[in-house]
N, C-alpha and C. Protein backbone atom coordinates (compact mmCIF):
# COMPACT_ATOMS: atom_id res chain seq x y z
N MET A 1 26.55 -166.49 136.09
CA MET A 1 25.93 -165.17 135.26
C MET A 1 24.73 -165.32 134.45
N ASN A 2 24.91 -166.65 133.92
CA ASN A 2 23.57 -167.15 133.00
C ASN A 2 22.25 -167.47 133.67
N VAL A 3 22.29 -167.84 134.54
CA VAL A 3 21.37 -168.04 135.45
C VAL A 3 20.40 -166.75 135.92
N HIS A 4 21.33 -165.73 136.29
CA HIS A 4 20.83 -164.38 136.37
C HIS A 4 20.29 -163.41 134.92
N GLY A 5 20.65 -164.19 133.76
CA GLY A 5 20.53 -163.66 132.56
C GLY A 5 20.99 -162.48 131.70
N ILE A 6 22.54 -162.19 132.70
CA ILE A 6 23.48 -161.47 132.22
C ILE A 6 24.16 -162.02 130.99
N ASP A 7 23.82 -161.61 129.61
CA ASP A 7 24.66 -161.98 128.48
C ASP A 7 25.63 -161.26 127.99
N HIS A 8 26.01 -160.09 128.61
CA HIS A 8 26.97 -158.88 128.31
C HIS A 8 27.75 -158.45 129.16
N VAL A 9 28.97 -158.33 129.64
CA VAL A 9 29.75 -157.53 130.48
C VAL A 9 30.49 -156.45 130.10
N LEU A 10 30.35 -155.28 130.99
CA LEU A 10 31.38 -153.87 130.72
C LEU A 10 32.51 -154.37 131.54
N THR A 11 33.98 -153.93 131.26
CA THR A 11 34.56 -154.09 131.86
C THR A 11 36.31 -153.42 131.48
N PHE A 12 37.19 -153.75 132.24
CA PHE A 12 39.05 -153.44 131.84
C PHE A 12 39.43 -154.31 131.97
N ASN A 13 38.82 -155.73 132.62
CA ASN A 13 39.36 -156.70 132.45
C ASN A 13 38.63 -158.03 131.68
N THR A 14 38.99 -157.65 130.41
CA THR A 14 38.02 -158.74 129.49
C THR A 14 38.86 -160.40 129.68
N ALA A 15 39.98 -160.37 129.79
CA ALA A 15 40.45 -161.84 129.97
C ALA A 15 40.01 -162.50 131.13
N ASP A 16 39.57 -162.05 131.92
CA ASP A 16 38.94 -163.04 132.90
C ASP A 16 37.48 -163.31 132.76
N PHE A 17 37.02 -162.63 131.80
CA PHE A 17 35.30 -163.52 131.28
C PHE A 17 35.52 -163.74 129.97
N LYS A 18 36.50 -164.38 129.25
CA LYS A 18 36.24 -165.12 127.63
C LYS A 18 36.48 -166.53 128.00
N ARG A 19 36.40 -166.86 129.33
CA ARG A 19 36.54 -168.10 129.59
C ARG A 19 35.08 -168.69 129.59
N TYR A 20 34.05 -167.51 129.76
CA TYR A 20 32.78 -167.58 129.71
C TYR A 20 31.62 -168.00 128.84
N PRO A 21 31.31 -169.24 128.15
CA PRO A 21 30.84 -169.09 126.82
C PRO A 21 29.37 -168.80 127.19
N GLY A 22 28.96 -167.76 125.93
CA GLY A 22 27.47 -167.35 125.62
C GLY A 22 27.65 -165.69 126.29
N ILE A 23 29.03 -165.17 127.00
CA ILE A 23 29.08 -163.93 127.29
C ILE A 23 29.57 -162.95 126.59
N THR A 24 29.00 -161.91 126.18
CA THR A 24 29.52 -161.19 125.38
C THR A 24 30.41 -159.75 126.17
N VAL A 25 31.62 -160.21 125.81
CA VAL A 25 32.47 -159.07 126.70
C VAL A 25 32.88 -158.06 125.71
N LEU A 26 32.54 -156.55 126.73
CA LEU A 26 33.08 -155.52 126.09
C LEU A 26 34.07 -154.70 126.92
N ASP A 27 34.89 -154.31 126.24
CA ASP A 27 35.99 -153.55 126.62
C ASP A 27 35.56 -152.31 127.09
N LEU A 28 35.71 -151.73 128.29
CA LEU A 28 35.26 -150.57 128.79
C LEU A 28 36.21 -149.13 127.68
N SER A 29 37.73 -149.64 127.73
CA SER A 29 38.15 -148.69 127.25
C SER A 29 37.90 -148.69 125.63
N GLU A 30 36.96 -149.59 125.14
CA GLU A 30 37.29 -149.46 123.75
C GLU A 30 35.41 -148.40 123.21
N VAL A 31 34.86 -148.01 124.21
CA VAL A 31 33.37 -147.60 124.70
C VAL A 31 33.83 -146.01 124.43
N PRO A 32 33.37 -145.62 123.29
CA PRO A 32 33.22 -143.98 122.99
C PRO A 32 32.35 -143.61 123.99
N ALA A 33 33.15 -142.41 124.82
CA ALA A 33 32.50 -141.38 125.64
C ALA A 33 31.11 -140.49 124.96
N LYS A 34 30.17 -140.25 126.20
CA LYS A 34 29.44 -139.58 125.43
C LYS A 34 29.20 -138.30 125.45
N PRO A 35 29.42 -137.38 124.48
CA PRO A 35 29.68 -135.84 124.92
C PRO A 35 28.48 -135.40 125.86
N ALA A 36 29.04 -134.26 126.52
CA ALA A 36 28.00 -133.64 127.70
C ALA A 36 26.51 -132.66 126.58
N GLU A 37 25.83 -133.11 127.79
CA GLU A 37 24.62 -132.23 126.43
C GLU A 37 24.83 -130.42 127.14
N PRO A 38 24.72 -129.68 126.06
CA PRO A 38 24.85 -128.42 126.76
C PRO A 38 24.07 -128.13 127.87
N GLN A 39 23.94 -127.26 128.47
CA GLN A 39 23.17 -126.87 129.55
C GLN A 39 21.61 -125.72 128.78
N LYS A 40 20.41 -126.20 129.39
CA LYS A 40 19.46 -125.49 129.11
C LYS A 40 19.15 -124.35 129.81
N GLU A 41 18.79 -123.41 129.27
CA GLU A 41 18.73 -121.64 130.19
C GLU A 41 17.36 -121.86 130.52
N SER A 42 17.25 -121.51 132.02
CA SER A 42 16.23 -121.67 132.70
C SER A 42 15.07 -120.23 131.67
């Protein structure tokens, strides 16, 4: 992953990526969902 410049991973399976140094692992279940934007009237 480092070869390709990947330094952050967003995943449900954080345990698989903890062994890689230099990779920041983000748990998808901890990322807040963005609320839907209101529809614009035409």
